[in-house]
Full PDB file with SEQRES, HELIX, SHEET, SSBOND, CRYST1, ORIGX, SCALE, CONECT and MASTER records, all heavy atoms in Angstrom:
SEQRES   1 A   35  LYS ILE SER ILE LYS GLU THR GLU GLU ARG ILE VAL GLU          
SEQRES   2 A   35  MET GLN ASN MET VAL GLN GLY VAL THR GLN SER GLU ALA          
SEQRES   3 A   35  GLU ILE HIS GLN THR TYR ASN LEU LEU                          
HELIX    1 AA1 ILE A    2  LEU A   34  1                                  33    
CRYST1    1.000    1.000    1.000  90.00  90.00  90.00 P 1           1          
ORIGX1      1.000000  0.000000  0.000000        0.00000                         
ORIGX2      0.000000  1.000000  0.000000        0.00000                         
ORIGX3      0.000000  0.000000  1.000000        0.00000                         
SCALE1      1.000000  0.000000  0.000000        0.00000                         
SCALE2      0.000000  1.000000  0.000000        0.00000                         
SCALE3      0.000000  0.000000  1.000000        0.00000                         
ATOM      1  N   LYS A   1       0.847  -1.215  -0.022  1.00  0.00           N  
ATOM      2  CA  LYS A   1       0.010   0.006  -0.006  1.00  0.00           C  
ATOM      3  C   LYS A   1       0.864   1.259  -0.007  1.00  0.00           C  
ATOM      4  O   LYS A   1       0.562   2.222  -0.679  1.00  0.00           O  
ATOM      5  CB  LYS A   1      -0.948  -0.009   1.242  1.00  0.00           C  
ATOM      6  CG  LYS A   1      -2.093  -0.962   1.087  1.00  0.00           C  
ATOM      7  CD  LYS A   1      -3.008  -0.889   2.329  1.00  0.00           C  
ATOM      8  CE  LYS A   1      -4.198  -1.831   2.150  1.00  0.00           C  
ATOM      9  NZ  LYS A   1      -5.097  -1.814   3.376  1.00  0.00           N  
ATOM     10  N   ILE A   2       1.932   1.163   0.825  1.00  0.00           N  
ATOM     11  CA  ILE A   2       2.843   2.289   0.903  1.00  0.00           C  
ATOM     12  C   ILE A   2       3.479   2.589  -0.475  1.00  0.00           C  
ATOM     13  O   ILE A   2       3.566   3.705  -0.975  1.00  0.00           O  
ATOM     14  CB  ILE A   2       3.892   2.106   2.002  1.00  0.00           C  
ATOM     15  CG1 ILE A   2       3.249   2.157   3.400  1.00  0.00           C  
ATOM     16  CG2 ILE A   2       5.050   3.125   1.890  1.00  0.00           C  
ATOM     17  CD1 ILE A   2       4.179   1.606   4.514  1.00  0.00           C  
ATOM     18  N   SER A   3       3.896   1.463  -1.064  1.00  0.00           N  
ATOM     19  CA  SER A   3       4.495   1.605  -2.415  1.00  0.00           C  
ATOM     20  C   SER A   3       3.473   2.135  -3.407  1.00  0.00           C  
ATOM     21  O   SER A   3       3.790   2.997  -4.288  1.00  0.00           O  
ATOM     22  CB  SER A   3       5.119   0.274  -2.889  1.00  0.00           C  
ATOM     23  OG  SER A   3       4.042  -0.695  -3.006  1.00  0.00           O  
ATOM     24  N   ILE A   4       2.187   1.639  -3.256  1.00  0.00           N  
ATOM     25  CA  ILE A   4       1.169   2.167  -4.186  1.00  0.00           C  
ATOM     26  C   ILE A   4       0.926   3.638  -3.972  1.00  0.00           C  
ATOM     27  O   ILE A   4       0.757   4.395  -4.895  1.00  0.00           O  
ATOM     28  CB  ILE A   4      -0.152   1.339  -3.969  1.00  0.00           C  
ATOM     29  CG1 ILE A   4       0.003  -0.104  -4.528  1.00  0.00           C  
ATOM     30  CG2 ILE A   4      -1.320   2.000  -4.666  1.00  0.00           C  
ATOM     31  CD1 ILE A   4      -1.055  -1.073  -4.086  1.00  0.00           C  
ATOM     32  N   LYS A   5       0.917   4.061  -2.639  1.00  0.00           N  
ATOM     33  CA  LYS A   5       0.723   5.501  -2.387  1.00  0.00           C  
ATOM     34  C   LYS A   5       1.844   6.307  -2.992  1.00  0.00           C  
ATOM     35  O   LYS A   5       1.648   7.385  -3.552  1.00  0.00           O  
ATOM     36  CB  LYS A   5       0.621   5.728  -0.876  1.00  0.00           C  
ATOM     37  CG  LYS A   5      -0.706   5.327  -0.256  1.00  0.00           C  
ATOM     38  CD  LYS A   5      -0.718   5.629   1.239  1.00  0.00           C  
ATOM     39  CE  LYS A   5      -2.045   5.219   1.858  1.00  0.00           C  
ATOM     40  NZ  LYS A   5      -2.078   5.461   3.310  1.00  0.00           N  
ATOM     41  N   GLU A   6       3.085   5.759  -2.775  1.00  0.00           N  
ATOM     42  CA  GLU A   6       4.207   6.484  -3.329  1.00  0.00           C  
ATOM     43  C   GLU A   6       4.121   6.606  -4.884  1.00  0.00           C  
ATOM     44  O   GLU A   6       4.403   7.641  -5.441  1.00  0.00           O  
ATOM     45  CB  GLU A   6       5.529   5.793  -2.922  1.00  0.00           C  
ATOM     46  CG  GLU A   6       5.842   5.914  -1.449  1.00  0.00           C  
ATOM     47  CD  GLU A   6       7.091   5.153  -1.065  1.00  0.00           C  
ATOM     48  OE1 GLU A   6       7.619   4.441  -1.943  1.00  0.00           O  
ATOM     49  OE2 GLU A   6       7.534   5.303   0.086  1.00  0.00           O  
ATOM     50  N   THR A   7       3.711   5.453  -5.450  1.00  0.00           N  
ATOM     51  CA  THR A   7       3.586   5.467  -6.901  1.00  0.00           C  
ATOM     52  C   THR A   7       2.505   6.503  -7.330  1.00  0.00           C  
ATOM     53  O   THR A   7       2.651   7.214  -8.370  1.00  0.00           O  
ATOM     54  CB  THR A   7       3.267   4.108  -7.469  1.00  0.00           C  
ATOM     55  OG1 THR A   7       2.150   3.591  -6.770  1.00  0.00           O  
ATOM     56  CG2 THR A   7       4.461   3.187  -7.305  1.00  0.00           C  
ATOM     57  N   GLU A   8       1.364   6.518  -6.520  1.00  0.00           N  
ATOM     58  CA  GLU A   8       0.274   7.460  -6.839  1.00  0.00           C  
ATOM     59  C   GLU A   8       0.802   8.920  -6.716  1.00  0.00           C  
ATOM     60  O   GLU A   8       0.478   9.750  -7.548  1.00  0.00           O  
ATOM     61  CB  GLU A   8      -0.903   7.207  -6.023  1.00  0.00           C  
ATOM     62  CG  GLU A   8      -1.666   5.955  -6.371  1.00  0.00           C  
ATOM     63  CD  GLU A   8      -2.871   5.689  -5.454  1.00  0.00           C  
ATOM     64  OE1 GLU A   8      -2.951   6.405  -4.434  1.00  0.00           O  
ATOM     65  OE2 GLU A   8      -3.661   4.792  -5.765  1.00  0.00           O  
ATOM     66  N   GLU A   9       1.577   9.154  -5.645  1.00  0.00           N  
ATOM     67  CA  GLU A   9       2.132  10.473  -5.459  1.00  0.00           C  
ATOM     68  C   GLU A   9       3.045  10.806  -6.646  1.00  0.00           C  
ATOM     69  O   GLU A   9       3.001  11.908  -7.193  1.00  0.00           O  
ATOM     70  CB  GLU A   9       2.858  10.573  -4.108  1.00  0.00           C  
ATOM     71  CG  GLU A   9       1.927  10.561  -2.917  1.00  0.00           C  
ATOM     72  CD  GLU A   9       2.676  10.527  -1.592  1.00  0.00           C  
ATOM     73  OE1 GLU A   9       3.943  10.409  -1.705  1.00  0.00           O  
ATOM     74  OE2 GLU A   9       2.075  10.632  -0.520  1.00  0.00           O  
ATOM     75  N   ARG A  10       3.847   9.813  -6.958  1.00  0.00           N  
ATOM     76  CA  ARG A  10       4.762  10.091  -8.104  1.00  0.00           C  
ATOM     77  C   ARG A  10       3.952  10.302  -9.406  1.00  0.00           C  
ATOM     78  O   ARG A  10       4.304  11.169 -10.220  1.00  0.00           O  
ATOM     79  CB  ARG A  10       5.687   8.862  -8.299  1.00  0.00           C  
ATOM     80  CG  ARG A  10       6.743   8.760  -7.248  1.00  0.00           C  
ATOM     81  CD  ARG A  10       7.730   9.895  -7.363  1.00  0.00           C  
ATOM     82  NE  ARG A  10       8.788   9.827  -6.430  1.00  0.00           N  
ATOM     83  CZ  ARG A  10       9.910   9.119  -6.581  1.00  0.00           C  
ATOM     84  NH1 ARG A  10      10.070   8.454  -7.680  1.00  0.00           N  
ATOM     85  NH2 ARG A  10      10.828   9.153  -5.613  1.00  0.00           N  
ATOM     86  N   ILE A  11       2.861   9.593  -9.542  1.00  0.00           N  
ATOM     87  CA  ILE A  11       2.027   9.734 -10.757  1.00  0.00           C  
ATOM     88  C   ILE A  11       1.395  11.172 -10.763  1.00  0.00           C  
ATOM     89  O   ILE A  11       1.368  11.818 -11.785  1.00  0.00           O  
ATOM     90  CB  ILE A  11       0.919   8.691 -10.796  1.00  0.00           C  
ATOM     91  CG1 ILE A  11       1.488   7.323 -11.134  1.00  0.00           C  
ATOM     92  CG2 ILE A  11      -0.166   9.045 -11.796  1.00  0.00           C  
ATOM     93  CD1 ILE A  11       0.606   6.161 -10.888  1.00  0.00           C  
ATOM     94  N   VAL A  12       0.965  11.640  -9.516  1.00  0.00           N  
ATOM     95  CA  VAL A  12       0.425  13.015  -9.458  1.00  0.00           C  
ATOM     96  C   VAL A  12       1.504  14.014  -9.813  1.00  0.00           C  
ATOM     97  O   VAL A  12       1.272  14.961 -10.581  1.00  0.00           O  
ATOM     98  CB  VAL A  12      -0.171  13.251  -8.051  1.00  0.00           C  
ATOM     99  CG1 VAL A  12      -0.520  14.759  -7.898  1.00  0.00           C  
ATOM    100  CG2 VAL A  12      -1.412  12.436  -7.793  1.00  0.00           C  
ATOM    101  N   GLU A  13       2.676  13.766  -9.248  1.00  0.00           N  
ATOM    102  CA  GLU A  13       3.779  14.694  -9.575  1.00  0.00           C  
ATOM    103  C   GLU A  13       4.089  14.664 -11.087  1.00  0.00           C  
ATOM    104  O   GLU A  13       4.288  15.709 -11.732  1.00  0.00           O  
ATOM    105  CB  GLU A  13       5.056  14.284  -8.772  1.00  0.00           C  
ATOM    106  CG  GLU A  13       4.916  14.588  -7.292  1.00  0.00           C  
ATOM    107  CD  GLU A  13       6.163  14.117  -6.531  1.00  0.00           C  
ATOM    108  OE1 GLU A  13       7.052  13.518  -7.174  1.00  0.00           O  
ATOM    109  OE2 GLU A  13       6.238  14.381  -5.332  1.00  0.00           O  
ATOM    110  N   MET A  14       4.043  13.448 -11.645  1.00  0.00           N  
ATOM    111  CA  MET A  14       4.324  13.342 -13.107  1.00  0.00           C  
ATOM    112  C   MET A  14       3.206  13.995 -13.888  1.00  0.00           C  
ATOM    113  O   MET A  14       3.483  14.678 -14.893  1.00  0.00           O  
ATOM    114  CB  MET A  14       4.424  11.872 -13.497  1.00  0.00           C  
ATOM    115  CG  MET A  14       5.647  11.184 -12.921  1.00  0.00           C  
ATOM    116  SD  MET A  14       7.195  11.910 -13.445  1.00  0.00           S  
ATOM    117  CE  MET A  14       7.188  11.561 -15.170  1.00  0.00           C  
ATOM    118  N   GLN A  15       1.948  13.881 -13.376  1.00  0.00           N  
ATOM    119  CA  GLN A  15       0.863  14.564 -14.102  1.00  0.00           C  
ATOM    120  C   GLN A  15       1.023  16.065 -14.067  1.00  0.00           C  
ATOM    121  O   GLN A  15       0.864  16.779 -15.019  1.00  0.00           O  
ATOM    122  CB  GLN A  15      -0.505  14.159 -13.457  1.00  0.00           C  
ATOM    123  CG  GLN A  15      -0.974  12.763 -13.828  1.00  0.00           C  
ATOM    124  CD  GLN A  15      -2.237  12.384 -13.175  1.00  0.00           C  
ATOM    125  OE1 GLN A  15      -2.764  13.162 -12.309  1.00  0.00           O  
ATOM    126  NE2 GLN A  15      -2.764  11.220 -13.490  1.00  0.00           N  
ATOM    127  N   ASN A  16       1.477  16.573 -12.841  1.00  0.00           N  
ATOM    128  CA  ASN A  16       1.758  18.020 -12.759  1.00  0.00           C  
ATOM    129  C   ASN A  16       2.885  18.430 -13.726  1.00  0.00           C  
ATOM    130  O   ASN A  16       2.808  19.488 -14.343  1.00  0.00           O  
ATOM    131  CB  ASN A  16       2.083  18.376 -11.327  1.00  0.00           C  
ATOM    132  CG  ASN A  16       0.926  18.210 -10.366  1.00  0.00           C  
ATOM    133  OD1 ASN A  16      -0.244  18.461 -10.788  1.00  0.00           O  
ATOM    134  ND2 ASN A  16       1.166  17.794  -9.125  1.00  0.00           N  
ATOM    135  N   MET A  17       3.889  17.558 -13.715  1.00  0.00           N  
ATOM    136  CA  MET A  17       4.959  17.868 -14.638  1.00  0.00           C  
ATOM    137  C   MET A  17       4.536  17.833 -16.076  1.00  0.00           C  
ATOM    138  O   MET A  17       4.948  18.653 -16.932  1.00  0.00           O  
ATOM    139  CB  MET A  17       6.120  16.849 -14.393  1.00  0.00           C  
ATOM    140  CG  MET A  17       6.858  17.063 -13.085  1.00  0.00           C  
ATOM    141  SD  MET A  17       8.111  15.812 -12.778  1.00  0.00           S  
ATOM    142  CE  MET A  17       9.334  16.301 -13.960  1.00  0.00           C  
ATOM    143  N   VAL A  18       3.638  16.871 -16.403  1.00  0.00           N  
ATOM    144  CA  VAL A  18       3.091  16.767 -17.795  1.00  0.00           C  
ATOM    145  C   VAL A  18       2.317  18.010 -18.128  1.00  0.00           C  
ATOM    146  O   VAL A  18       2.360  18.558 -19.227  1.00  0.00           O  
ATOM    147  CB  VAL A  18       2.292  15.509 -17.968  1.00  0.00           C  
ATOM    148  CG1 VAL A  18       1.490  15.546 -19.239  1.00  0.00           C  
ATOM    149  CG2 VAL A  18       3.165  14.282 -17.960  1.00  0.00           C  
ATOM    150  N   GLN A  19       1.480  18.468 -17.092  1.00  0.00           N  
ATOM    151  CA  GLN A  19       0.744  19.682 -17.346  1.00  0.00           C  
ATOM    152  C   GLN A  19       1.674  20.893 -17.619  1.00  0.00           C  
ATOM    153  O   GLN A  19       1.462  21.671 -18.491  1.00  0.00           O  
ATOM    154  CB  GLN A  19      -0.181  19.995 -16.144  1.00  0.00           C  
ATOM    155  CG  GLN A  19      -1.374  19.076 -16.061  1.00  0.00           C  
ATOM    156  CD  GLN A  19      -2.218  19.370 -14.829  1.00  0.00           C  
ATOM    157  OE1 GLN A  19      -1.890  20.294 -14.033  1.00  0.00           O  
ATOM    158  NE2 GLN A  19      -3.337  18.623 -14.642  1.00  0.00           N  
ATOM    159  N   GLY A  20       2.753  20.921 -16.767  1.00  0.00           N  
ATOM    160  CA  GLY A  20       3.740  22.025 -17.027  1.00  0.00           C  
ATOM    161  C   GLY A  20       4.361  21.888 -18.398  1.00  0.00           C  
ATOM    162  O   GLY A  20       4.587  22.894 -19.105  1.00  0.00           O  
ATOM    163  N   VAL A  21       4.600  20.599 -18.790  1.00  0.00           N  
ATOM    164  CA  VAL A  21       5.198  20.359 -20.120  1.00  0.00           C  
ATOM    165  C   VAL A  21       4.247  20.819 -21.220  1.00  0.00           C  
ATOM    166  O   VAL A  21       4.611  21.419 -22.240  1.00  0.00           O  
ATOM    167  CB  VAL A  21       5.636  18.918 -20.230  1.00  0.00           C  
ATOM    168  CG1 VAL A  21       5.952  18.610 -21.712  1.00  0.00           C  
ATOM    169  CG2 VAL A  21       6.805  18.572 -19.355  1.00  0.00           C  
ATOM    170  N   THR A  22       2.953  20.488 -20.990  1.00  0.00           N  
ATOM    171  CA  THR A  22       1.920  20.915 -22.009  1.00  0.00           C  
ATOM    172  C   THR A  22       1.852  22.385 -22.095  1.00  0.00           C  
ATOM    173  O   THR A  22       1.728  23.005 -23.192  1.00  0.00           O  
ATOM    174  CB  THR A  22       0.534  20.341 -21.670  1.00  0.00           C  
ATOM    175  OG1 THR A  22       0.231  20.681 -20.338  1.00  0.00           O  
ATOM    176  CG2 THR A  22       0.533  18.808 -21.804  1.00  0.00           C  
ATOM    177  N   GLN A  23       1.892  23.075 -20.918  1.00  0.00           N  
ATOM    178  CA  GLN A  23       1.938  24.539 -20.929  1.00  0.00           C  
ATOM    179  C   GLN A  23       3.143  25.079 -21.678  1.00  0.00           C  
ATOM    180  O   GLN A  23       3.054  26.013 -22.475  1.00  0.00           O  
ATOM    181  CB  GLN A  23       1.859  25.126 -19.512  1.00  0.00           C  
ATOM    182  CG  GLN A  23       0.518  24.890 -18.810  1.00  0.00           C  
ATOM    183  CD  GLN A  23       0.512  25.399 -17.395  1.00  0.00           C  
ATOM    184  OE1 GLN A  23       1.534  25.888 -16.885  1.00  0.00           O  
ATOM    185  NE2 GLN A  23      -0.639  25.293 -16.696  1.00  0.00           N  
ATOM    186  N   SER A  24       4.281  24.461 -21.331  1.00  0.00           N  
ATOM    187  CA  SER A  24       5.506  24.859 -22.056  1.00  0.00           C  
ATOM    188  C   SER A  24       5.422  24.572 -23.530  1.00  0.00           C  
ATOM    189  O   SER A  24       5.904  25.335 -24.346  1.00  0.00           O  
ATOM    190  CB  SER A  24       6.720  24.199 -21.388  1.00  0.00           C  
ATOM    191  OG  SER A  24       6.583  22.788 -21.625  1.00  0.00           O  
ATOM    192  N   GLU A  25       4.737  23.432 -23.849  1.00  0.00           N  
ATOM    193  CA  GLU A  25       4.582  23.134 -25.304  1.00  0.00           C  
ATOM    194  C   GLU A  25       3.687  24.201 -25.983  1.00  0.00           C  
ATOM    195  O   GLU A  25       3.931  24.577 -27.129  1.00  0.00           O  
ATOM    196  CB  GLU A  25       3.982  21.768 -25.481  1.00  0.00           C  
ATOM    197  CG  GLU A  25       4.933  20.631 -25.269  1.00  0.00           C  
ATOM    198  CD  GLU A  25       4.276  19.279 -25.460  1.00  0.00           C  
ATOM    199  OE1 GLU A  25       3.056  19.226 -25.603  1.00  0.00           O  
ATOM    200  OE2 GLU A  25       5.032  18.264 -25.449  1.00  0.00           O  
ATOM    201  N   ALA A  26       2.635  24.649 -25.281  1.00  0.00           N  
ATOM    202  CA  ALA A  26       1.779  25.730 -25.813  1.00  0.00           C  
ATOM    203  C   ALA A  26       2.576  27.010 -26.057  1.00  0.00           C  
ATOM    204  O   ALA A  26       2.499  27.621 -27.115  1.00  0.00           O  
ATOM    205  CB  ALA A  26       0.593  25.972 -24.901  1.00  0.00           C  
ATOM    206  N   GLU A  27       3.416  27.340 -25.010  1.00  0.00           N  
ATOM    207  CA  GLU A  27       4.245  28.496 -25.176  1.00  0.00           C  
ATOM    208  C   GLU A  27       5.216  28.316 -26.335  1.00  0.00           C  
ATOM    209  O   GLU A  27       5.455  29.237 -27.141  1.00  0.00           O  
ATOM    210  CB  GLU A  27       5.002  28.754 -23.854  1.00  0.00           C  
ATOM    211  CG  GLU A  27       4.097  29.189 -22.696  1.00  0.00           C  
ATOM    212  CD  GLU A  27       4.864  29.356 -21.437  1.00  0.00           C  
ATOM    213  OE1 GLU A  27       6.106  29.060 -21.447  1.00  0.00           O  
ATOM    214  OE2 GLU A  27       4.266  29.846 -20.436  1.00  0.00           O  
ATOM    215  N   ILE A  28       5.756  27.129 -26.384  1.00  0.00           N  
ATOM    216  CA  ILE A  28       6.716  26.815 -27.530  1.00  0.00           C  
ATOM    217  C   ILE A  28       5.960  26.936 -28.869  1.00  0.00           C  
ATOM    218  O   ILE A  28       6.521  27.401 -29.832  1.00  0.00           O  
ATOM    219  CB  ILE A  28       7.364  25.442 -27.317  1.00  0.00           C  
ATOM    220  CG1 ILE A  28       8.294  25.501 -26.146  1.00  0.00           C  
ATOM    221  CG2 ILE A  28       8.062  24.991 -28.616  1.00  0.00           C  
ATOM    222  CD1 ILE A  28       8.716  24.132 -25.656  1.00  0.00           C  
ATOM    223  N   HIS A  29       4.704  26.440 -28.871  1.00  0.00           N  
ATOM    224  CA  HIS A  29       3.901  26.547 -30.125  1.00  0.00           C  
ATOM    225  C   HIS A  29       3.698  28.000 -30.500  1.00  0.00           C  
ATOM    226  O   HIS A  29       3.741  28.389 -31.684  1.00  0.00           O  
ATOM    227  CB  HIS A  29       2.587  25.832 -29.907  1.00  0.00           C  
ATOM    228  CG  HIS A  29       1.756  25.740 -31.148  1.00  0.00           C  
ATOM    229  ND1 HIS A  29       2.130  24.970 -32.261  1.00  0.00           N  
ATOM    230  CD2 HIS A  29       0.555  26.333 -31.520  1.00  0.00           C  
ATOM    231  CE1 HIS A  29       1.234  25.133 -33.201  1.00  0.00           C  
ATOM    232  NE2 HIS A  29       0.266  25.919 -32.804  1.00  0.00           N  
ATOM    233  N   GLN A  30       3.408  28.830 -29.491  1.00  0.00           N  
ATOM    234  CA  GLN A  30       3.257  30.239 -29.754  1.00  0.00           C  
ATOM    235  C   GLN A  30       4.480  30.847 -30.304  1.00  0.00           C  
ATOM    236  O   GLN A  30       4.546  31.612 -31.307  1.00  0.00           O  
ATOM    237  CB  GLN A  30       2.828  31.003 -28.510  1.00  0.00           C  
ATOM    238  CG  GLN A  30       1.387  30.701 -28.036  1.00  0.00           C  
ATOM    239  CD  GLN A  30       1.025  31.397 -26.763  1.00  0.00           C  
ATOM    240  OE1 GLN A  30       1.848  32.120 -26.169  1.00  0.00           O  
ATOM    241  NE2 GLN A  30      -0.217  31.213 -26.329  1.00  0.00           N  
ATOM    242  N   THR A  31       5.611  30.497 -29.608  1.00  0.00           N  
ATOM    243  CA  THR A  31       6.938  31.017 -30.146  1.00  0.00           C  
ATOM    244  C   THR A  31       7.228  30.451 -31.521  1.00  0.00           C  
ATOM    245  O   THR A  31       7.806  31.150 -32.370  1.00  0.00           O  
ATOM    246  CB  THR A  31       8.015  30.625 -29.191  1.00  0.00           C  
ATOM    247  OG1 THR A  31       8.027  29.207 -28.966  1.00  0.00           O  
ATOM    248  CG2 THR A  31       7.893  31.331 -27.839  1.00  0.00           C  
ATOM    249  N   TYR A  32       6.794  29.154 -31.749  1.00  0.00           N  
ATOM    250  CA  TYR A  32       6.989  28.592 -33.102  1.00  0.00           C  
ATOM    251  C   TYR A  32       6.177  29.343 -34.135  1.00  0.00           C  
ATOM    252  O   TYR A  32       6.693  29.569 -35.278  1.00  0.00           O  
ATOM    253  CB  TYR A  32       6.595  27.135 -33.032  1.00  0.00           C  
ATOM    254  CG  TYR A  32       6.752  26.413 -34.358  1.00  0.00           C  
ATOM    255  CD1 TYR A  32       8.056  26.090 -34.843  1.00  0.00           C  
ATOM    256  CD2 TYR A  32       5.614  26.041 -35.096  1.00  0.00           C  
ATOM    257  CE1 TYR A  32       8.177  25.468 -36.027  1.00  0.00           C  
ATOM    258  CE2 TYR A  32       5.775  25.364 -36.336  1.00  0.00           C  
ATOM    259  CZ  TYR A  32       7.096  25.090 -36.775  1.00  0.00           C  
ATOM    260  OH  TYR A  32       7.267  24.453 -37.976  1.00  0.00           O  
ATOM    261  N   ASN A  33       4.925  29.749 -33.769  1.00  0.00           N  
ATOM    262  CA  ASN A  33       4.129  30.581 -34.727  1.00  0.00           C  
ATOM    263  C   ASN A  33       4.780  31.897 -35.000  1.00  0.00           C  
ATOM    264  O   ASN A  33       4.852  32.343 -36.156  1.00  0.00           O  
ATOM    265  CB  ASN A  33       2.730  30.768 -34.153  1.00  0.00           C  
ATOM    266  CG  ASN A  33       1.903  29.509 -34.117  1.00  0.00           C  
ATOM    267  OD1 ASN A  33       2.018  28.655 -35.033  1.00  0.00           O  
ATOM    268  ND2 ASN A  33       1.065  29.363 -33.097  1.00  0.00           N  
ATOM    269  N   LEU A  34       5.310  32.492 -33.909  1.00  0.00           N  
ATOM    270  CA  LEU A  34       6.066  33.773 -34.101  1.00  0.00           C  
ATOM    271  C   LEU A  34       7.231  33.573 -35.023  1.00  0.00           C  
ATOM    272  O   LEU A  34       7.556  34.390 -35.924  1.00  0.00           O  
ATOM    273  CB  LEU A  34       6.462  34.349 -32.766  1.00  0.00           C  
ATOM    274  CG  LEU A  34       5.380  34.855 -31.822  1.00  0.00           C  
ATOM    275  CD1 LEU A  34       5.947  35.221 -30.460  1.00  0.00           C  
ATOM    276  CD2 LEU A  34       4.741  36.126 -32.467  1.00  0.00           C  
ATOM    277  N   LEU A  35       7.955  32.395 -34.780  1.00  0.00           N  
ATOM    278  CA  LEU A  35       9.097  32.123 -35.651  1.00  0.00           C  
ATOM    279  C   LEU A  35       8.646  31.923 -37.087  1.00  0.00           C  
ATOM    280  O   LEU A  35       9.341  32.299 -38.041  1.00  0.00           O  
ATOM    281  CB  LEU A  35       9.834  30.916 -35.112  1.00  0.00           C  
ATOM    282  CG  LEU A  35      10.674  31.137 -33.854  1.00  0.00           C  
ATOM    283  CD1 LEU A  35      11.176  29.810 -33.284  1.00  0.00           C  
ATOM    284  CD2 LEU A  35      11.847  32.055 -34.158  1.00  0.00           C  
TER     285      LEU A  35                                                      
MASTER        0    0    0    1    0    0    0    6  284    1    0    3          
END                                                                             
């Protein structure tokens, strides 16, 4: 259970990181349009 909780926490962290990556991808897309 502890390992599952840790993995879930890690998954949440990874989801947050993925959201940040998507935001950064949107910003990159905007910069790409500007380019």
